[in-house]
Amino acid sequence: MRTIRFANLNAYKLTRVTIGDASWRARVTVIKEITPDVLALQEVVVNETRPPSEWAQEASESVQQLASECGLSATTVRADGSPGPTAMANNAHRGWYTALLFNPDAVTPTPGGFRPYGAPDLWHGLTTAVFDIGASSPITVANYHGDPFRGGWRLDEAYRLNSVFRTILRGFSDSEGPTEGIRGTLGLERRVEIESSGTGRPTVHRAYGGRPGRGWP
C-alpha cells in the first residue's frame, strides 16, 4: 500500500521575470512543503508583447525551472519513448498556461499520454496527461483554468470539457480497470491522496482544502 498525492495550485501570474525573487521562492517553498506527486498548476504567464511563436518557449522555461527547484519534472514522453514537450497548454490567443508537474520517483508519464487542448475552446487551456501510479490501470489527470468573469463562457467550457472527458476517461465504461480522473479547477487549492495496493482501481483516500461549499465534482 502506498499513497499518491495530488495538488492543485493557482500560482497567480507566475512569469519568467519572477524567477528567483521572493514570490518565486515562496511558491517553491509551498510546493515543497506539500510534496505532491502530481501538481496541477495554473496561471503561468508570458510576455504577450512578444510574438506568439515565442510564448511556448518562455512558458516552458518557467515551468521547467519551477519543476527543477521543487524536485519535480514537467517533461512528457512521446509515443516512441523519447522525451516530449513540457506538459502545458494555453489558449493560442493568450499567453496564459496551465501545466502538470510530477514526481518521477512516484509516478511515470505514459508514452503518448500527454495532450494539450487550447484555442478557441478554453480560456487558459486544458493540460491532460496519463500517469502510471502502480495500479492495475493508469490515471488521467486533467488541469484547466475556467473563465471567472463570463458565466456563459464558463458554461460553454463545461460542455467542451465534458466532451473531452468522454474521450480521455473512456476507461470508466469501456476498459478493464477504469481510469481515475482528477480535475483541477479555478480557485481550488486542494490535495488528494490516492491509495493503491497495486491491484484494482485506485480510490480517493483523502481530499481537503478549497473553498466552502465547493467540493469535488
N, C-alpha and C. Protein backbone atom coordinates (compact mmCIF):
# COMPACT_ATOMS: atom_id res chain seq x y z
N MET A 1 0.85 -1.20 0.00
CA MET A 1 0.00 0.00 0.00
C MET A 1 0.89 1.24 0.00
N ARG A 2 0.64 2.14 -0.96
CA ARG A 2 1.37 3.40 -0.97
C ARG A 2 0.41 4.53 -1.27
N THR A 3 0.82 5.74 -0.96
CA THR A 3 -0.02 6.91 -1.14
C THR A 3 0.50 7.78 -2.27
N ILE A 4 -0.40 8.18 -3.16
CA ILE A 4 -0.07 9.12 -4.23
C ILE A 4 -0.78 10.43 -3.91
N ARG A 5 -0.04 11.51 -3.92
CA ARG A 5 -0.59 12.81 -3.52
C ARG A 5 -0.70 13.75 -4.72
N PHE A 6 -1.90 14.32 -4.89
CA PHE A 6 -2.16 15.28 -5.95
C PHE A 6 -2.42 16.65 -5.33
N ALA A 7 -1.94 17.68 -6.00
CA ALA A 7 -2.17 19.05 -5.52
C ALA A 7 -2.57 19.93 -6.70
N ASN A 8 -3.34 20.96 -6.39
CA ASN A 8 -3.81 21.90 -7.40
C ASN A 8 -3.47 23.30 -6.92
N LEU A 9 -2.72 24.07 -7.71
CA LEU A 9 -2.25 25.39 -7.27
C LEU A 9 -2.41 26.44 -8.35
N ASN A 10 -3.12 27.51 -8.01
CA ASN A 10 -3.14 28.70 -8.85
C ASN A 10 -1.94 29.55 -8.44
N ALA A 11 -0.93 29.59 -9.31
CA ALA A 11 0.32 30.26 -8.97
C ALA A 11 0.24 31.78 -9.10
N TYR A 12 -0.86 32.31 -9.61
CA TYR A 12 -1.14 33.73 -9.76
C TYR A 12 -0.02 34.48 -10.50
N LYS A 13 -0.13 34.48 -11.80
CA LYS A 13 0.76 35.25 -12.66
C LYS A 13 2.24 34.89 -12.47
N LEU A 14 2.50 33.62 -12.54
CA LEU A 14 3.88 33.15 -12.49
C LEU A 14 4.55 33.47 -13.82
N THR A 15 5.60 34.26 -13.82
CA THR A 15 6.28 34.66 -15.05
C THR A 15 7.77 34.38 -14.96
N ARG A 16 8.42 34.41 -16.10
CA ARG A 16 9.86 34.17 -16.13
C ARG A 16 10.63 35.24 -15.38
N VAL A 17 10.13 36.47 -15.39
CA VAL A 17 10.86 37.55 -14.72
C VAL A 17 10.82 37.42 -13.19
N THR A 18 9.91 36.59 -12.66
CA THR A 18 9.86 36.41 -11.21
C THR A 18 10.82 35.34 -10.72
N ILE A 19 11.47 34.61 -11.63
CA ILE A 19 12.37 33.54 -11.21
C ILE A 19 13.43 34.08 -10.25
N GLY A 20 13.49 33.49 -9.09
CA GLY A 20 14.49 33.86 -8.10
C GLY A 20 14.07 34.94 -7.13
N ASP A 21 12.95 35.63 -7.38
CA ASP A 21 12.56 36.69 -6.44
C ASP A 21 11.79 36.09 -5.27
N ALA A 22 11.34 36.97 -4.35
CA ALA A 22 10.70 36.50 -3.12
C ALA A 22 9.42 35.71 -3.40
N SER A 23 8.64 36.18 -4.39
CA SER A 23 7.38 35.48 -4.69
C SER A 23 7.66 34.10 -5.27
N TRP A 24 8.68 34.02 -6.09
CA TRP A 24 9.06 32.74 -6.68
C TRP A 24 9.50 31.78 -5.58
N ARG A 25 10.36 32.25 -4.70
CA ARG A 25 10.85 31.38 -3.62
C ARG A 25 9.71 30.93 -2.71
N ALA A 26 8.72 31.81 -2.50
CA ALA A 26 7.58 31.44 -1.67
C ALA A 26 6.78 30.31 -2.32
N ARG A 27 6.60 30.39 -3.64
CA ARG A 27 5.89 29.33 -4.34
C ARG A 27 6.64 28.01 -4.24
N VAL A 28 7.95 28.07 -4.42
CA VAL A 28 8.77 26.86 -4.32
C VAL A 28 8.65 26.25 -2.93
N THR A 29 8.68 27.08 -1.91
CA THR A 29 8.57 26.60 -0.53
C THR A 29 7.25 25.90 -0.29
N VAL A 30 6.17 26.51 -0.76
CA VAL A 30 4.84 25.93 -0.57
C VAL A 30 4.74 24.57 -1.27
N ILE A 31 5.19 24.52 -2.52
CA ILE A 31 5.10 23.26 -3.27
C ILE A 31 5.92 22.17 -2.61
N LYS A 32 7.12 22.50 -2.14
CA LYS A 32 7.96 21.51 -1.49
C LYS A 32 7.37 21.05 -0.17
N GLU A 33 6.66 21.93 0.52
CA GLU A 33 6.01 21.54 1.77
C GLU A 33 4.84 20.58 1.51
N ILE A 34 4.13 20.80 0.40
CA ILE A 34 3.01 19.92 0.05
C ILE A 34 3.52 18.56 -0.42
N THR A 35 4.69 18.54 -1.02
CA THR A 35 5.31 17.32 -1.59
C THR A 35 4.34 16.55 -2.50
N PRO A 36 3.87 17.19 -3.56
CA PRO A 36 2.92 16.49 -4.45
C PRO A 36 3.62 15.47 -5.32
N ASP A 37 2.88 14.43 -5.68
CA ASP A 37 3.36 13.51 -6.71
C ASP A 37 2.91 13.96 -8.09
N VAL A 38 1.78 14.65 -8.14
CA VAL A 38 1.33 15.34 -9.36
C VAL A 38 0.79 16.69 -8.95
N LEU A 39 1.24 17.74 -9.62
CA LEU A 39 0.81 19.10 -9.32
C LEU A 39 0.16 19.72 -10.54
N ALA A 40 -1.11 20.13 -10.39
CA ALA A 40 -1.81 20.88 -11.44
C ALA A 40 -1.56 22.36 -11.18
N LEU A 41 -0.94 23.03 -12.12
CA LEU A 41 -0.51 24.42 -11.95
C LEU A 41 -1.23 25.32 -12.94
N GLN A 42 -1.78 26.44 -12.45
CA GLN A 42 -2.43 27.41 -13.33
C GLN A 42 -1.73 28.77 -13.26
N GLU A 43 -1.99 29.59 -14.26
CA GLU A 43 -1.51 30.97 -14.37
C GLU A 43 -0.01 31.08 -14.53
N VAL A 44 0.53 30.33 -15.46
CA VAL A 44 1.89 30.56 -15.94
C VAL A 44 1.75 31.54 -17.09
N VAL A 45 2.30 32.73 -16.94
CA VAL A 45 2.02 33.83 -17.86
C VAL A 45 3.29 34.25 -18.60
N VAL A 46 3.15 34.60 -19.87
CA VAL A 46 4.29 35.07 -20.67
C VAL A 46 4.06 36.53 -21.07
N ASN A 47 5.10 37.11 -21.63
CA ASN A 47 5.04 38.49 -22.12
C ASN A 47 4.31 38.49 -23.46
N GLU A 48 3.07 38.95 -23.46
CA GLU A 48 2.25 38.88 -24.67
C GLU A 48 2.61 39.94 -25.70
N THR A 49 3.55 40.82 -25.39
CA THR A 49 4.02 41.77 -26.41
C THR A 49 5.00 41.09 -27.37
N ARG A 50 5.48 39.92 -26.98
CA ARG A 50 6.37 39.16 -27.85
C ARG A 50 5.54 38.37 -28.85
N PRO A 51 6.11 37.94 -29.97
CA PRO A 51 5.37 37.17 -30.97
C PRO A 51 4.82 35.89 -30.36
N PRO A 52 3.59 35.51 -30.70
CA PRO A 52 3.01 34.28 -30.16
C PRO A 52 3.87 33.04 -30.39
N SER A 53 4.68 33.06 -31.44
CA SER A 53 5.54 31.91 -31.72
C SER A 53 6.59 31.70 -30.64
N GLU A 54 6.80 32.72 -29.80
CA GLU A 54 7.81 32.63 -28.75
C GLU A 54 7.21 32.32 -27.39
N TRP A 55 5.89 32.31 -27.29
CA TRP A 55 5.24 32.14 -25.99
C TRP A 55 5.54 30.78 -25.37
N ALA A 56 5.44 29.72 -26.15
CA ALA A 56 5.61 28.38 -25.60
C ALA A 56 7.00 28.19 -24.99
N GLN A 57 8.02 28.70 -25.65
CA GLN A 57 9.38 28.57 -25.12
C GLN A 57 9.52 29.30 -23.79
N GLU A 58 8.95 30.50 -23.71
CA GLU A 58 9.04 31.27 -22.47
C GLU A 58 8.29 30.57 -21.34
N ALA A 59 7.08 30.09 -21.63
CA ALA A 59 6.31 29.39 -20.60
C ALA A 59 7.01 28.12 -20.17
N SER A 60 7.57 27.39 -21.13
CA SER A 60 8.27 26.16 -20.81
C SER A 60 9.46 26.41 -19.88
N GLU A 61 10.18 27.49 -20.12
CA GLU A 61 11.33 27.81 -19.26
C GLU A 61 10.87 28.04 -17.82
N SER A 62 9.77 28.74 -17.64
CA SER A 62 9.25 28.99 -16.28
C SER A 62 8.82 27.69 -15.62
N VAL A 63 8.07 26.88 -16.35
CA VAL A 63 7.57 25.62 -15.79
C VAL A 63 8.71 24.68 -15.46
N GLN A 64 9.66 24.55 -16.36
CA GLN A 64 10.77 23.63 -16.14
C GLN A 64 11.66 24.09 -14.99
N GLN A 65 11.86 25.39 -14.86
CA GLN A 65 12.67 25.91 -13.75
C GLN A 65 11.98 25.65 -12.41
N LEU A 66 10.67 25.90 -12.38
CA LEU A 66 9.91 25.65 -11.16
C LEU A 66 9.96 24.16 -10.80
N ALA A 67 9.76 23.32 -11.78
CA ALA A 67 9.79 21.88 -11.54
C ALA A 67 11.14 21.45 -10.98
N SER A 68 12.21 21.96 -11.58
CA SER A 68 13.55 21.59 -11.14
C SER A 68 13.80 21.99 -9.69
N GLU A 69 13.40 23.19 -9.32
CA GLU A 69 13.64 23.67 -7.96
C GLU A 69 12.77 22.96 -6.93
N CYS A 70 11.67 22.37 -7.39
CA CYS A 70 10.78 21.65 -6.48
C CYS A 70 11.03 20.16 -6.46
N GLY A 71 12.04 19.70 -7.20
CA GLY A 71 12.33 18.27 -7.26
C GLY A 71 11.33 17.49 -8.09
N LEU A 72 10.69 18.17 -9.05
CA LEU A 72 9.68 17.55 -9.90
C LEU A 72 10.12 17.56 -11.35
N SER A 73 9.29 17.03 -12.23
CA SER A 73 9.53 17.07 -13.66
C SER A 73 8.27 17.57 -14.35
N ALA A 74 8.43 18.11 -15.54
CA ALA A 74 7.28 18.51 -16.36
C ALA A 74 7.46 18.05 -17.79
N THR A 75 8.36 17.11 -18.01
CA THR A 75 8.67 16.63 -19.35
C THR A 75 7.83 15.41 -19.68
N THR A 76 7.13 15.46 -20.78
CA THR A 76 6.28 14.36 -21.21
C THR A 76 7.10 13.32 -21.97
N VAL A 77 6.44 12.21 -22.33
CA VAL A 77 7.09 11.14 -23.09
C VAL A 77 6.29 10.90 -24.36
N ARG A 78 6.98 10.94 -25.49
CA ARG A 78 6.32 10.69 -26.77
C ARG A 78 5.98 9.20 -26.92
N ALA A 79 5.16 8.90 -27.90
CA ALA A 79 4.72 7.53 -28.12
C ALA A 79 5.88 6.58 -28.37
N ASP A 80 6.98 7.10 -28.94
CA ASP A 80 8.14 6.25 -29.22
C ASP A 80 9.08 6.13 -28.02
N GLY A 81 8.70 6.76 -26.89
CA GLY A 81 9.50 6.66 -25.68
C GLY A 81 10.52 7.78 -25.50
N SER A 82 10.66 8.65 -26.49
CA SER A 82 11.61 9.75 -26.38
C SER A 82 11.02 10.90 -25.57
N PRO A 83 11.87 11.77 -24.99
CA PRO A 83 11.36 12.90 -24.22
C PRO A 83 10.49 13.81 -25.08
N GLY A 84 9.36 14.22 -24.53
CA GLY A 84 8.43 15.07 -25.26
C GLY A 84 8.47 16.50 -24.76
N PRO A 85 7.49 17.31 -25.14
CA PRO A 85 7.45 18.70 -24.72
C PRO A 85 7.02 18.84 -23.27
N THR A 86 7.11 20.05 -22.76
CA THR A 86 6.63 20.35 -21.41
C THR A 86 5.13 20.13 -21.35
N ALA A 87 4.67 19.55 -20.26
CA ALA A 87 3.24 19.26 -20.08
C ALA A 87 2.50 20.55 -19.75
N MET A 88 2.05 21.26 -20.77
CA MET A 88 1.37 22.53 -20.57
C MET A 88 0.47 22.82 -21.76
N ALA A 89 -0.47 23.74 -21.58
CA ALA A 89 -1.39 24.11 -22.66
C ALA A 89 -1.86 25.53 -22.44
N ASN A 90 -2.27 26.18 -23.53
CA ASN A 90 -2.82 27.54 -23.43
C ASN A 90 -3.84 27.75 -24.54
N ASN A 91 -4.64 28.80 -24.38
CA ASN A 91 -5.45 29.30 -25.48
C ASN A 91 -4.49 30.03 -26.41
N ALA A 92 -4.42 29.64 -27.67
CA ALA A 92 -3.41 30.18 -28.58
C ALA A 92 -3.50 31.69 -28.75
N HIS A 93 -4.64 32.28 -28.33
CA HIS A 93 -4.79 33.73 -28.44
C HIS A 93 -4.28 34.46 -27.21
N ARG A 94 -3.95 33.70 -26.15
CA ARG A 94 -3.48 34.31 -24.91
C ARG A 94 -2.27 33.56 -24.38
N GLY A 95 -1.37 34.29 -23.74
CA GLY A 95 -0.16 33.69 -23.21
C GLY A 95 -0.29 33.28 -21.75
N TRP A 96 -1.38 32.61 -21.41
CA TRP A 96 -1.63 32.10 -20.06
C TRP A 96 -1.72 30.58 -20.15
N TYR A 97 -0.95 29.89 -19.33
CA TYR A 97 -0.82 28.44 -19.45
C TYR A 97 -1.25 27.70 -18.19
N THR A 98 -1.74 26.49 -18.39
CA THR A 98 -1.85 25.50 -17.33
C THR A 98 -0.75 24.47 -17.55
N ALA A 99 -0.37 23.78 -16.49
CA ALA A 99 0.72 22.81 -16.62
C ALA A 99 0.54 21.67 -15.61
N LEU A 100 1.22 20.57 -15.87
CA LEU A 100 1.24 19.44 -14.95
C LEU A 100 2.69 19.11 -14.61
N LEU A 101 3.00 19.10 -13.32
CA LEU A 101 4.31 18.72 -12.82
C LEU A 101 4.15 17.41 -12.06
N PHE A 102 5.20 16.60 -12.00
CA PHE A 102 5.06 15.31 -11.34
C PHE A 102 6.39 14.87 -10.72
N ASN A 103 6.27 13.99 -9.73
CA ASN A 103 7.42 13.41 -9.06
C ASN A 103 7.80 12.13 -9.81
N PRO A 104 8.92 12.13 -10.53
CA PRO A 104 9.27 10.95 -11.34
C PRO A 104 9.62 9.72 -10.51
N ASP A 105 9.84 9.90 -9.20
CA ASP A 105 10.12 8.75 -8.34
C ASP A 105 8.83 8.06 -7.88
N ALA A 106 7.68 8.72 -8.11
CA ALA A 106 6.41 8.17 -7.64
C ALA A 106 5.47 7.78 -8.77
N VAL A 107 5.48 8.55 -9.85
CA VAL A 107 4.59 8.28 -10.98
C VAL A 107 5.38 8.38 -12.27
N THR A 108 4.88 7.73 -13.31
CA THR A 108 5.56 7.72 -14.60
C THR A 108 4.60 8.14 -15.70
N PRO A 109 4.93 9.17 -16.48
CA PRO A 109 4.06 9.53 -17.60
C PRO A 109 4.06 8.43 -18.65
N THR A 110 2.88 8.07 -19.14
CA THR A 110 2.82 7.01 -20.14
C THR A 110 3.19 7.57 -21.51
N PRO A 111 3.86 6.79 -22.34
CA PRO A 111 4.22 7.25 -23.68
C PRO A 111 2.99 7.65 -24.49
N GLY A 112 3.03 8.84 -25.04
CA GLY A 112 1.92 9.33 -25.85
C GLY A 112 0.71 9.76 -25.04
N GLY A 113 0.83 9.82 -23.72
CA GLY A 113 -0.31 10.12 -22.87
C GLY A 113 -0.60 11.59 -22.65
N PHE A 114 0.27 12.47 -23.16
CA PHE A 114 0.08 13.92 -22.99
C PHE A 114 -0.74 14.48 -24.15
N ARG A 115 -1.72 15.34 -23.80
CA ARG A 115 -2.48 16.04 -24.84
C ARG A 115 -2.89 17.41 -24.34
N PRO A 116 -2.51 18.47 -25.05
CA PRO A 116 -2.96 19.82 -24.70
C PRO A 116 -4.18 20.21 -25.51
N TYR A 117 -5.08 20.95 -24.89
CA TYR A 117 -6.26 21.49 -25.57
C TYR A 117 -6.22 23.01 -25.43
N GLY A 118 -6.43 23.73 -26.55
CA GLY A 118 -6.32 25.18 -26.48
C GLY A 118 -7.38 25.92 -27.24
N ALA A 119 -6.96 26.92 -28.02
CA ALA A 119 -7.88 27.85 -28.68
C ALA A 119 -8.76 27.13 -29.69
N PRO A 120 -9.96 27.67 -29.87
CA PRO A 120 -10.55 28.79 -29.11
C PRO A 120 -11.45 28.30 -27.99
N ASP A 121 -11.29 27.05 -27.58
CA ASP A 121 -12.28 26.42 -26.71
C ASP A 121 -12.15 26.74 -25.23
N LEU A 122 -10.94 26.95 -24.76
CA LEU A 122 -10.71 27.06 -23.32
C LEU A 122 -9.92 28.32 -22.99
N TRP A 123 -10.33 28.96 -21.92
CA TRP A 123 -9.80 30.29 -21.56
C TRP A 123 -8.28 30.28 -21.40
N HIS A 124 -7.75 29.36 -20.59
CA HIS A 124 -6.31 29.27 -20.39
C HIS A 124 -5.74 27.93 -20.85
N GLY A 125 -6.53 27.14 -21.50
CA GLY A 125 -6.03 25.86 -21.98
C GLY A 125 -6.25 24.73 -20.98
N LEU A 126 -6.31 23.52 -21.50
CA LEU A 126 -6.51 22.31 -20.71
C LEU A 126 -5.32 21.38 -20.96
N THR A 127 -4.62 21.03 -19.89
CA THR A 127 -3.49 20.12 -19.97
C THR A 127 -3.91 18.76 -19.46
N THR A 128 -3.74 17.72 -20.25
CA THR A 128 -4.07 16.36 -19.80
C THR A 128 -2.85 15.45 -19.99
N ALA A 129 -2.70 14.52 -19.07
CA ALA A 129 -1.62 13.54 -19.17
C ALA A 129 -2.05 12.27 -18.44
N VAL A 130 -1.49 11.17 -18.87
CA VAL A 130 -1.80 9.87 -18.28
C VAL A 130 -0.56 9.39 -17.53
N PHE A 131 -0.77 8.94 -16.28
CA PHE A 131 0.34 8.51 -15.45
C PHE A 131 0.16 7.07 -14.96
N ASP A 132 1.25 6.35 -14.91
CA ASP A 132 1.29 5.04 -14.28
C ASP A 132 1.60 5.28 -12.81
N ILE A 133 0.67 4.88 -11.92
CA ILE A 133 0.88 5.07 -10.49
C ILE A 133 1.07 3.74 -9.77
N GLY A 134 1.27 2.68 -10.54
CA GLY A 134 1.50 1.38 -9.95
C GLY A 134 0.24 0.59 -9.70
N ALA A 135 -0.90 1.08 -10.18
CA ALA A 135 -2.16 0.37 -10.03
C ALA A 135 -2.40 -0.50 -11.27
N SER A 136 -3.57 -1.13 -11.33
CA SER A 136 -3.87 -2.02 -12.45
C SER A 136 -4.13 -1.26 -13.73
N SER A 137 -4.40 0.04 -13.63
CA SER A 137 -4.60 0.86 -14.82
C SER A 137 -4.06 2.25 -14.55
N PRO A 138 -3.69 2.99 -15.59
CA PRO A 138 -3.15 4.33 -15.40
C PRO A 138 -4.22 5.32 -14.96
N ILE A 139 -3.77 6.49 -14.56
CA ILE A 139 -4.68 7.54 -14.12
C ILE A 139 -4.52 8.74 -15.04
N THR A 140 -5.63 9.31 -15.46
CA THR A 140 -5.62 10.50 -16.31
C THR A 140 -5.82 11.73 -15.44
N VAL A 141 -4.92 12.69 -15.56
CA VAL A 141 -5.02 13.94 -14.81
C VAL A 141 -5.28 15.06 -15.81
N ALA A 142 -6.30 15.87 -15.52
CA ALA A 142 -6.65 17.00 -16.40
C ALA A 142 -6.65 18.28 -15.59
N ASN A 143 -6.02 19.31 -16.12
CA ASN A 143 -5.89 20.58 -15.41
C ASN A 143 -6.33 21.72 -16.32
N TYR A 144 -7.31 22.51 -15.87
CA TYR A 144 -7.71 23.68 -16.65
C TYR A 144 -8.06 24.82 -15.70
N HIS A 145 -8.13 26.02 -16.27
CA HIS A 145 -8.42 27.23 -15.50
C HIS A 145 -9.64 27.89 -16.15
N GLY A 146 -10.79 27.76 -15.50
CA GLY A 146 -12.03 28.28 -16.07
C GLY A 146 -12.12 29.80 -16.04
N ASP A 147 -12.89 30.36 -16.94
CA ASP A 147 -13.12 31.80 -17.03
C ASP A 147 -13.98 32.26 -15.84
N PRO A 148 -13.44 33.14 -14.96
CA PRO A 148 -14.21 33.56 -13.78
C PRO A 148 -15.10 34.77 -14.04
N PHE A 149 -15.00 35.37 -15.21
CA PHE A 149 -15.67 36.64 -15.46
C PHE A 149 -16.96 36.52 -16.27
N ARG A 150 -17.03 35.52 -17.14
CA ARG A 150 -18.18 35.38 -18.04
C ARG A 150 -18.85 34.04 -17.82
N GLY A 151 -20.00 34.10 -17.15
CA GLY A 151 -20.70 32.87 -16.81
C GLY A 151 -21.08 32.03 -18.01
N GLY A 152 -21.53 32.69 -19.07
CA GLY A 152 -21.91 31.96 -20.27
C GLY A 152 -20.73 31.25 -20.90
N TRP A 153 -19.59 31.93 -20.91
CA TRP A 153 -18.38 31.34 -21.47
C TRP A 153 -17.96 30.13 -20.63
N ARG A 154 -18.03 30.29 -19.31
CA ARG A 154 -17.62 29.19 -18.43
C ARG A 154 -18.53 27.98 -18.63
N LEU A 155 -19.83 28.23 -18.81
CA LEU A 155 -20.75 27.12 -19.06
C LEU A 155 -20.41 26.43 -20.37
N ASP A 156 -20.08 27.23 -21.39
CA ASP A 156 -19.70 26.65 -22.68
C ASP A 156 -18.44 25.80 -22.53
N GLU A 157 -17.49 26.28 -21.70
CA GLU A 157 -16.29 25.50 -21.44
C GLU A 157 -16.63 24.16 -20.79
N ALA A 158 -17.62 24.19 -19.89
CA ALA A 158 -18.01 22.97 -19.20
C ALA A 158 -18.50 21.91 -20.18
N TYR A 159 -19.27 22.35 -21.18
CA TYR A 159 -19.74 21.41 -22.20
C TYR A 159 -18.56 20.84 -22.98
N ARG A 160 -17.60 21.69 -23.27
CA ARG A 160 -16.43 21.23 -24.02
C ARG A 160 -15.59 20.26 -23.18
N LEU A 161 -15.46 20.56 -21.90
CA LEU A 161 -14.73 19.67 -21.01
C LEU A 161 -15.41 18.30 -20.93
N ASN A 162 -16.73 18.33 -20.87
CA ASN A 162 -17.47 17.08 -20.82
C ASN A 162 -17.17 16.23 -22.05
N SER A 163 -17.07 16.89 -23.20
CA SER A 163 -16.75 16.18 -24.43
C SER A 163 -15.34 15.59 -24.36
N VAL A 164 -14.40 16.36 -23.80
CA VAL A 164 -13.03 15.86 -23.66
C VAL A 164 -12.99 14.65 -22.75
N PHE A 165 -13.68 14.73 -21.61
CA PHE A 165 -13.65 13.63 -20.65
C PHE A 165 -14.30 12.37 -21.22
N ARG A 166 -15.27 12.54 -22.11
CA ARG A 166 -15.88 11.36 -22.73
C ARG A 166 -14.84 10.58 -23.52
N THR A 167 -13.81 11.28 -23.97
CA THR A 167 -12.76 10.63 -24.75
C THR A 167 -11.63 10.13 -23.85
N ILE A 168 -11.06 11.02 -23.02
CA ILE A 168 -9.87 10.63 -22.27
C ILE A 168 -10.20 9.77 -21.07
N LEU A 169 -11.46 9.80 -20.60
CA LEU A 169 -11.85 8.96 -19.47
C LEU A 169 -12.70 7.79 -19.93
N ARG A 170 -12.47 7.34 -21.16
CA ARG A 170 -13.24 6.24 -21.72
C ARG A 170 -13.15 4.99 -20.85
N GLY A 171 -12.06 4.87 -20.10
CA GLY A 171 -11.88 3.70 -19.27
C GLY A 171 -12.97 3.48 -18.24
N PHE A 172 -13.73 4.53 -17.89
CA PHE A 172 -14.78 4.36 -16.91
C PHE A 172 -15.80 3.32 -17.37
N SER A 173 -16.01 3.21 -18.69
CA SER A 173 -17.06 2.31 -19.15
C SER A 173 -16.56 1.21 -20.09
N ASP A 174 -15.40 1.44 -20.73
CA ASP A 174 -15.02 0.55 -21.82
C ASP A 174 -13.89 -0.42 -21.50
N SER A 175 -13.05 -0.09 -20.50
CA SER A 175 -11.84 -0.88 -20.33
C SER A 175 -11.86 -1.66 -19.02
N GLU A 176 -10.94 -2.60 -18.95
CA GLU A 176 -10.75 -3.32 -17.70
C GLU A 176 -9.92 -2.44 -16.78
N GLY A 177 -10.35 -2.27 -15.54
CA GLY A 177 -9.62 -1.42 -14.63
C GLY A 177 -9.78 0.03 -15.02
N PRO A 178 -10.87 0.69 -14.65
CA PRO A 178 -11.16 2.05 -15.10
C PRO A 178 -10.06 3.04 -14.76
N THR A 179 -9.94 4.04 -15.58
CA THR A 179 -9.01 5.13 -15.33
C THR A 179 -9.68 6.15 -14.42
N GLU A 180 -8.95 6.62 -13.44
CA GLU A 180 -9.47 7.61 -12.49
C GLU A 180 -9.09 9.00 -12.98
N GLY A 181 -10.02 9.94 -13.00
CA GLY A 181 -9.74 11.29 -13.46
C GLY A 181 -9.71 12.28 -12.32
N ILE A 182 -8.70 13.12 -12.27
CA ILE A 182 -8.60 14.18 -11.27
C ILE A 182 -8.60 15.50 -12.01
N ARG A 183 -9.51 16.39 -11.64
CA ARG A 183 -9.67 17.64 -12.36
C ARG A 183 -9.31 18.83 -11.49
N GLY A 184 -8.50 19.75 -12.01
CA GLY A 184 -8.17 20.98 -11.30
C GLY A 184 -9.05 22.11 -11.79
N THR A 185 -9.61 22.91 -10.90
CA THR A 185 -10.49 23.99 -11.29
C THR A 185 -10.08 25.29 -10.65
N LEU A 186 -10.56 26.37 -11.19
CA LEU A 186 -10.18 27.71 -10.77
C LEU A 186 -10.40 27.91 -9.28
N GLY A 187 -9.38 28.45 -8.61
CA GLY A 187 -9.53 28.90 -7.25
C GLY A 187 -9.52 27.81 -6.20
N LEU A 188 -9.40 26.57 -6.60
CA LEU A 188 -9.40 25.49 -5.63
C LEU A 188 -7.98 24.98 -5.46
N GLU A 189 -7.46 25.10 -4.26
CA GLU A 189 -6.16 24.56 -3.95
C GLU A 189 -6.41 23.40 -3.00
N ARG A 190 -6.30 22.21 -3.50
CA ARG A 190 -6.69 21.07 -2.71
C ARG A 190 -5.75 19.90 -2.97
N ARG A 191 -5.68 19.03 -2.01
CA ARG A 191 -4.77 17.91 -2.11
C ARG A 191 -5.55 16.62 -2.01
N VAL A 192 -5.16 15.66 -2.79
CA VAL A 192 -5.84 14.37 -2.80
C VAL A 192 -4.80 13.30 -2.59
N GLU A 193 -5.12 12.36 -1.75
CA GLU A 193 -4.24 11.22 -1.57
C GLU A 193 -4.97 9.99 -2.06
N ILE A 194 -4.34 9.26 -2.97
CA ILE A 194 -4.95 8.07 -3.55
C ILE A 194 -4.14 6.86 -3.14
N GLU A 195 -4.79 5.90 -2.55
CA GLU A 195 -4.10 4.69 -2.13
C GLU A 195 -4.34 3.58 -3.14
N SER A 196 -3.30 2.84 -3.40
CA SER A 196 -3.42 1.71 -4.31
C SER A 196 -2.57 0.57 -3.80
N SER A 197 -3.12 -0.61 -3.81
CA SER A 197 -2.37 -1.78 -3.39
C SER A 197 -1.69 -2.44 -4.58
N GLY A 198 -1.87 -1.85 -5.77
CA GLY A 198 -1.28 -2.43 -6.97
C GLY A 198 -2.28 -3.25 -7.75
N THR A 199 -3.42 -3.51 -7.17
CA THR A 199 -4.48 -4.24 -7.87
C THR A 199 -5.78 -3.50 -7.66
N GLY A 200 -6.62 -3.54 -8.66
CA GLY A 200 -7.91 -2.88 -8.53
C GLY A 200 -7.80 -1.40 -8.78
N ARG A 201 -8.93 -0.72 -8.74
CA ARG A 201 -8.99 0.70 -9.04
C ARG A 201 -8.51 1.53 -7.86
N PRO A 202 -7.64 2.53 -8.10
CA PRO A 202 -7.22 3.41 -7.02
C PRO A 202 -8.43 4.13 -6.43
N THR A 203 -8.39 4.42 -5.17
CA THR A 203 -9.50 5.11 -4.53
C THR A 203 -9.01 6.38 -3.85
N VAL A 204 -9.87 7.41 -3.83
CA VAL A 204 -9.51 8.64 -3.16
C VAL A 204 -9.48 8.38 -1.66
N HIS A 205 -8.33 8.54 -1.06
CA HIS A 205 -8.16 8.30 0.36
C HIS A 205 -8.48 9.54 1.18
N ARG A 206 -8.07 10.72 0.66
CA ARG A 206 -8.33 11.94 1.40
C ARG A 206 -8.29 13.12 0.45
N ALA A 207 -9.20 14.05 0.62
CA ALA A 207 -9.21 15.28 -0.17
C ALA A 207 -9.56 16.42 0.76
N TYR A 208 -8.81 17.50 0.69
CA TYR A 208 -9.12 18.62 1.57
C TYR A 208 -8.62 19.91 0.96
N GLY A 209 -9.05 21.03 1.55
CA GLY A 209 -8.71 22.33 1.01
C GLY A 209 -9.85 22.88 0.20
N GLY A 210 -9.60 23.98 -0.55
CA GLY A 210 -10.64 24.56 -1.40
C GLY A 210 -11.46 25.61 -0.68
N ARG A 211 -12.60 25.95 -1.26
CA ARG A 211 -13.46 26.98 -0.71
C ARG A 211 -14.73 26.37 -0.12
N PRO A 212 -15.29 26.99 0.91
CA PRO A 212 -16.54 26.47 1.49
C PRO A 212 -17.62 26.33 0.42
N GLY A 213 -18.27 25.20 0.45
CA GLY A 213 -19.39 24.99 -0.48
C GLY A 213 -18.96 24.47 -1.84
N ARG A 214 -17.64 24.32 -2.04
CA ARG A 214 -17.17 23.79 -3.31
C ARG A 214 -16.42 22.50 -3.07
N GLY A 215 -17.07 21.41 -3.30
CA GLY A 215 -16.45 20.11 -3.09
C GLY A 215 -16.03 19.52 -4.41
N TRP A 216 -15.81 18.24 -4.40
CA TRP A 216 -15.43 17.56 -5.63
C TRP A 216 -16.61 17.46 -6.55
N PRO A 217 -16.37 17.54 -7.88
CA PRO A 217 -17.47 17.42 -8.84
C PRO A 217 -18.02 16.00 -8.85
